[in-house]
Amino acid sequence: MASTPADHRLRKHADYQRVYREGRKHFSPSISYFYALRTADSPVPNGPRVGLTAGKVLGNAVERNRIKRRMRDIIRRRVSIVAANVDIVLHPRKSVLTIEFAKLEGEVSRIFTNIQAAMQKAGNANQFATTEQSAPQSNKSRVAS
């Protein structure tokens, strides 16, 4: 059984904490998730990294491991939707244990699509802000002349 490639996994506690600190909590029907853009000087490879949590509130070890197996399989299949350099932390709810696999896969796909759209929008907003900041300065210099 192939696991998620090492470069697509969020492993360090500090990385999880950074995502919680810099990101915002978002919700879908059976998953809560956080995401945060990585800086350009980050030493990790380009592309998304995904972390998964499964606390004791989700059930005993057998149930938690089943949830993680299902989620890892879907993440492995769908992580290519996200092209941005972003770290994502997924918090599944207990319903993930019983939901149909196809529905769960669709939900994770929607989450990844929303994250990719938000990253593209943020990229466009940053370009617009940079253009907007430079434009008034050039207008002021023309007015002052």
C-alpha atoms as a PDB file:
ATOM      1  CA  MET A   1       0.000   0.000   0.000  1.00  0.00           C
ATOM      2  CA  ALA A   2       1.531   3.295  -1.104  1.00  0.00           C
ATOM      3  CA  SER A   3       1.447   6.131   1.365  1.00  0.00           C
ATOM      4  CA  THR A   4       1.359   9.839   0.686  1.00  0.00           C
ATOM      5  CA  PRO A   5       4.721  11.037  -0.633  1.00  0.00           C
ATOM      6  CA  ALA A   6       6.916  12.544   2.063  1.00  0.00           C
ATOM      7  CA  ASP A   7       6.917  15.964   0.426  1.00  0.00           C
ATOM      8  CA  HIS A   8       3.108  16.172   0.654  1.00  0.00           C
ATOM      9  CA  ARG A   9       2.905  15.378   4.367  1.00  0.00           C
ATOM     10  CA  LEU A  10       2.909  17.860   7.180  1.00  0.00           C
ATOM     11  CA  ARG A  11       4.917  16.229   9.950  1.00  0.00           C
ATOM     12  CA  LYS A  12       6.385  18.696  12.434  1.00  0.00           C
ATOM     13  CA  HIS A  13       4.455  20.059  15.385  1.00  0.00           C
ATOM     14  CA  ALA A  14       5.834  23.536  14.671  1.00  0.00           C
ATOM     15  CA  ASP A  15       4.335  23.408  11.166  1.00  0.00           C
ATOM     16  CA  TYR A  16       0.921  22.484  12.563  1.00  0.00           C
ATOM     17  CA  GLN A  17       1.171  25.334  15.076  1.00  0.00           C
ATOM     18  CA  ARG A  18       2.121  27.813  12.335  1.00  0.00           C
ATOM     19  CA  VAL A  19      -0.936  26.797  10.285  1.00  0.00           C
ATOM     20  CA  TYR A  20      -3.195  27.201  13.335  1.00  0.00           C
ATOM     21  CA  ARG A  21      -1.644  30.589  14.150  1.00  0.00           C
ATOM     22  CA  GLU A  22      -1.564  32.038  10.623  1.00  0.00           C
ATOM     23  CA  GLY A  23      -4.616  30.347   9.124  1.00  0.00           C
ATOM     24  CA  ARG A  24      -8.316  30.543   9.833  1.00  0.00           C
ATOM     25  CA  LYS A  25     -10.663  27.720  10.684  1.00  0.00           C
ATOM     26  CA  HIS A  26     -13.017  26.685   7.903  1.00  0.00           C
ATOM     27  CA  PHE A  27     -15.816  24.142   7.942  1.00  0.00           C
ATOM     28  CA  SER A  28     -17.334  21.571   5.637  1.00  0.00           C
ATOM     29  CA  PRO A  29     -20.040  19.056   6.583  1.00  0.00           C
ATOM     30  CA  SER A  30     -17.708  16.450   8.080  1.00  0.00           C
ATOM     31  CA  ILE A  31     -14.274  18.134   8.188  1.00  0.00           C
ATOM     32  CA  SER A  32     -12.869  21.268   9.776  1.00  0.00           C
ATOM     33  CA  TYR A  33      -9.737  22.563   8.129  1.00  0.00           C
ATOM     34  CA  PHE A  34      -7.032  25.205   8.363  1.00  0.00           C
ATOM     35  CA  TYR A  35      -4.641  26.374   5.668  1.00  0.00           C
ATOM     36  CA  ALA A  36      -1.774  28.840   5.493  1.00  0.00           C
ATOM     37  CA  LEU A  37       0.447  29.941   2.646  1.00  0.00           C
ATOM     38  CA  ARG A  38       4.147  29.130   3.039  1.00  0.00           C
ATOM     39  CA  THR A  39       6.709  31.862   2.592  1.00  0.00           C
ATOM     40  CA  ALA A  40       8.914  31.945  -0.492  1.00  0.00           C
ATOM     41  CA  ASP A  41      12.056  31.348   1.582  1.00  0.00           C
ATOM     42  CA  SER A  42      10.650  28.111   3.046  1.00  0.00           C
ATOM     43  CA  PRO A  43      13.179  25.252   2.744  1.00  0.00           C
ATOM     44  CA  VAL A  44      10.516  22.602   1.941  1.00  0.00           C
ATOM     45  CA  PRO A  45       9.744  21.568  -1.673  1.00  0.00           C
ATOM     46  CA  ASN A  46       7.120  23.442  -3.671  1.00  0.00           C
ATOM     47  CA  GLY A  47       3.527  22.277  -3.610  1.00  0.00           C
ATOM     48  CA  PRO A  48       0.947  21.599  -0.921  1.00  0.00           C
ATOM     49  CA  ARG A  49       1.579  19.729   2.323  1.00  0.00           C
ATOM     50  CA  VAL A  50      -1.329  18.132   4.165  1.00  0.00           C
ATOM     51  CA  GLY A  51      -1.559  17.208   7.842  1.00  0.00           C
ATOM     52  CA  LEU A  52      -4.255  15.105   9.437  1.00  0.00           C
ATOM     53  CA  THR A  53      -5.437  14.979  13.041  1.00  0.00           C
ATOM     54  CA  ALA A  54      -7.460  12.258  14.721  1.00  0.00           C
ATOM     55  CA  GLY A  55      -7.913  12.814  18.437  1.00  0.00           C
ATOM     56  CA  LYS A  56      -9.406  10.436  20.983  1.00  0.00           C
ATOM     57  CA  VAL A  57     -12.763  12.155  20.675  1.00  0.00           C
ATOM     58  CA  LEU A  58     -13.155  10.327  17.333  1.00  0.00           C
ATOM     59  CA  GLY A  59     -13.243   6.931  18.990  1.00  0.00           C
ATOM     60  CA  ASN A  60     -10.945   4.117  19.964  1.00  0.00           C
ATOM     61  CA  ALA A  61      -7.651   3.390  18.178  1.00  0.00           C
ATOM     62  CA  VAL A  62      -9.266   1.093  15.614  1.00  0.00           C
ATOM     63  CA  GLU A  63     -11.792   3.763  14.601  1.00  0.00           C
ATOM     64  CA  ARG A  64      -9.188   6.553  14.537  1.00  0.00           C
ATOM     65  CA  ASN A  65      -6.861   4.466  12.378  1.00  0.00           C
ATOM     66  CA  ARG A  66      -9.695   3.652   9.972  1.00  0.00           C
ATOM     67  CA  ILE A  67     -10.516   7.364   9.668  1.00  0.00           C
ATOM     68  CA  LYS A  68      -6.856   8.164   9.001  1.00  0.00           C
ATOM     69  CA  ARG A  69      -6.546   5.397   6.385  1.00  0.00           C
ATOM     70  CA  ARG A  70      -9.612   6.653   4.524  1.00  0.00           C
ATOM     71  CA  MET A  71      -8.431  10.252   4.667  1.00  0.00           C
ATOM     72  CA  ARG A  72      -4.856   9.449   3.583  1.00  0.00           C
ATOM     73  CA  ASP A  73      -6.134   7.533   0.566  1.00  0.00           C
ATOM     74  CA  ILE A  74      -8.330  10.429  -0.527  1.00  0.00           C
ATOM     75  CA  ILE A  75      -5.580  12.977   0.114  1.00  0.00           C
ATOM     76  CA  ARG A  76      -3.158  10.921  -1.971  1.00  0.00           C
ATOM     77  CA  ARG A  77      -5.664  10.862  -4.851  1.00  0.00           C
ATOM     78  CA  ARG A  78      -6.746  14.505  -4.689  1.00  0.00           C
ATOM     79  CA  VAL A  79      -3.789  16.560  -3.422  1.00  0.00           C
ATOM     80  CA  SER A  80      -2.878  17.429  -7.022  1.00  0.00           C
ATOM     81  CA  ILE A  81      -5.898  19.789  -7.117  1.00  0.00           C
ATOM     82  CA  VAL A  82      -3.886  22.238  -5.015  1.00  0.00           C
ATOM     83  CA  ALA A  83      -0.898  23.720  -6.830  1.00  0.00           C
ATOM     84  CA  ALA A  84      -0.052  26.504  -4.371  1.00  0.00           C
ATOM     85  CA  ASN A  85       2.667  26.346  -1.715  1.00  0.00           C
ATOM     86  CA  VAL A  86       0.231  25.923   1.135  1.00  0.00           C
ATOM     87  CA  ASP A  87       0.076  23.873   4.328  1.00  0.00           C
ATOM     88  CA  ILE A  88      -3.302  22.308   5.111  1.00  0.00           C
ATOM     89  CA  VAL A  89      -4.480  20.668   8.339  1.00  0.00           C
ATOM     90  CA  LEU A  90      -7.628  18.538   8.195  1.00  0.00           C
ATOM     91  CA  HIS A  91      -9.707  17.741  11.310  1.00  0.00           C
ATOM     92  CA  PRO A  92     -12.220  15.012  10.413  1.00  0.00           C
ATOM     93  CA  ARG A  93     -15.376  14.557  12.482  1.00  0.00           C
ATOM     94  CA  LYS A  94     -16.613  11.182  13.665  1.00  0.00           C
ATOM     95  CA  SER A  95     -19.063  11.042  10.752  1.00  0.00           C
ATOM     96  CA  VAL A  96     -16.079  10.388   8.446  1.00  0.00           C
ATOM     97  CA  LEU A  97     -16.062   6.854   9.828  1.00  0.00           C
ATOM     98  CA  THR A  98     -19.503   6.015   8.398  1.00  0.00           C
ATOM     99  CA  ILE A  99     -19.928   8.365   5.434  1.00  0.00           C
ATOM    100  CA  GLU A 100     -19.806   6.826   1.955  1.00  0.00           C
ATOM    101  CA  PHE A 101     -16.298   6.917   0.544  1.00  0.00           C
ATOM    102  CA  ALA A 102     -17.399   8.705  -2.664  1.00  0.00           C
ATOM    103  CA  LYS A 103     -19.114  11.458  -0.641  1.00  0.00           C
ATOM    104  CA  LEU A 104     -16.035  11.887   1.529  1.00  0.00           C
ATOM    105  CA  GLU A 105     -13.818  12.062  -1.545  1.00  0.00           C
ATOM    106  CA  GLY A 106     -16.094  14.712  -3.057  1.00  0.00           C
ATOM    107  CA  GLU A 107     -15.965  16.741   0.129  1.00  0.00           C
ATOM    108  CA  VAL A 108     -12.159  16.659   0.287  1.00  0.00           C
ATOM    109  CA  SER A 109     -12.036  17.585  -3.417  1.00  0.00           C
ATOM    110  CA  ARG A 110     -14.258  20.612  -2.725  1.00  0.00           C
ATOM    111  CA  ILE A 111     -12.038  21.628   0.191  1.00  0.00           C
ATOM    112  CA  PHE A 112      -8.907  21.422  -1.978  1.00  0.00           C
ATOM    113  CA  THR A 113     -10.649  23.308  -4.812  1.00  0.00           C
ATOM    114  CA  ASN A 114     -11.733  26.062  -2.398  1.00  0.00           C
ATOM    115  CA  ILE A 115      -8.208  26.349  -1.010  1.00  0.00           C
ATOM    116  CA  GLN A 116      -6.714  26.558  -4.511  1.00  0.00           C
ATOM    117  CA  ALA A 117      -9.257  29.243  -5.489  1.00  0.00           C
ATOM    118  CA  ALA A 118      -8.484  31.216  -2.324  1.00  0.00           C
ATOM    119  CA  MET A 119      -4.747  31.018  -3.015  1.00  0.00           C
ATOM    120  CA  GLN A 120      -5.264  32.233  -6.595  1.00  0.00           C
ATOM    121  CA  LYS A 121      -7.483  35.048  -5.370  1.00  0.00           C
ATOM    122  CA  ALA A 122      -4.892  36.022  -2.751  1.00  0.00           C
ATOM    123  CA  GLY A 123      -2.204  35.986  -5.444  1.00  0.00           C
ATOM    124  CA  ASN A 124      -4.295  38.254  -7.675  1.00  0.00           C
ATOM    125  CA  ALA A 125      -5.076  40.542  -4.730  1.00  0.00           C
ATOM    126  CA  ASN A 126      -1.359  40.832  -3.949  1.00  0.00           C
ATOM    127  CA  GLN A 127      -0.642  41.749  -7.574  1.00  0.00           C
ATOM    128  CA  PHE A 128      -3.476  44.289  -7.540  1.00  0.00           C
ATOM    129  CA  ALA A 129      -2.288  45.791  -4.245  1.00  0.00           C
ATOM    130  CA  THR A 130       1.241  46.139  -5.597  1.00  0.00           C
ATOM    131  CA  THR A 131      -0.039  47.789  -8.788  1.00  0.00           C
ATOM    132  CA  GLU A 132      -2.409  50.032  -6.867  1.00  0.00           C
ATOM    133  CA  GLN A 133       0.299  51.157  -4.456  1.00  0.00           C
ATOM    134  CA  SER A 134       2.658  52.100  -7.277  1.00  0.00           C
ATOM    135  CA  ALA A 135      -0.026  53.883  -9.347  1.00  0.00           C
ATOM    136  CA  PRO A 136      -0.946  56.644  -6.849  1.00  0.00           C
ATOM    137  CA  GLN A 137       2.718  57.415  -6.252  1.00  0.00           C
ATOM    138  CA  SER A 138       3.274  58.005  -9.946  1.00  0.00           C
ATOM    139  CA  ASN A 139       0.118  60.181 -10.127  1.00  0.00           C
ATOM    140  CA  LYS A 140       1.283  62.262  -7.167  1.00  0.00           C
ATOM    141  CA  SER A 141       4.612  62.876  -8.812  1.00  0.00           C
ATOM    142  CA  ARG A 142       2.837  64.095 -11.976  1.00  0.00           C
ATOM    143  CA  VAL A 143       0.552  66.386  -9.985  1.00  0.00           C
ATOM    144  CA  ALA A 144       3.438  67.859  -8.005  1.00  0.00           C
ATOM    145  CA  SER A 145       5.432  68.628 -11.201  1.00  0.00           C
END
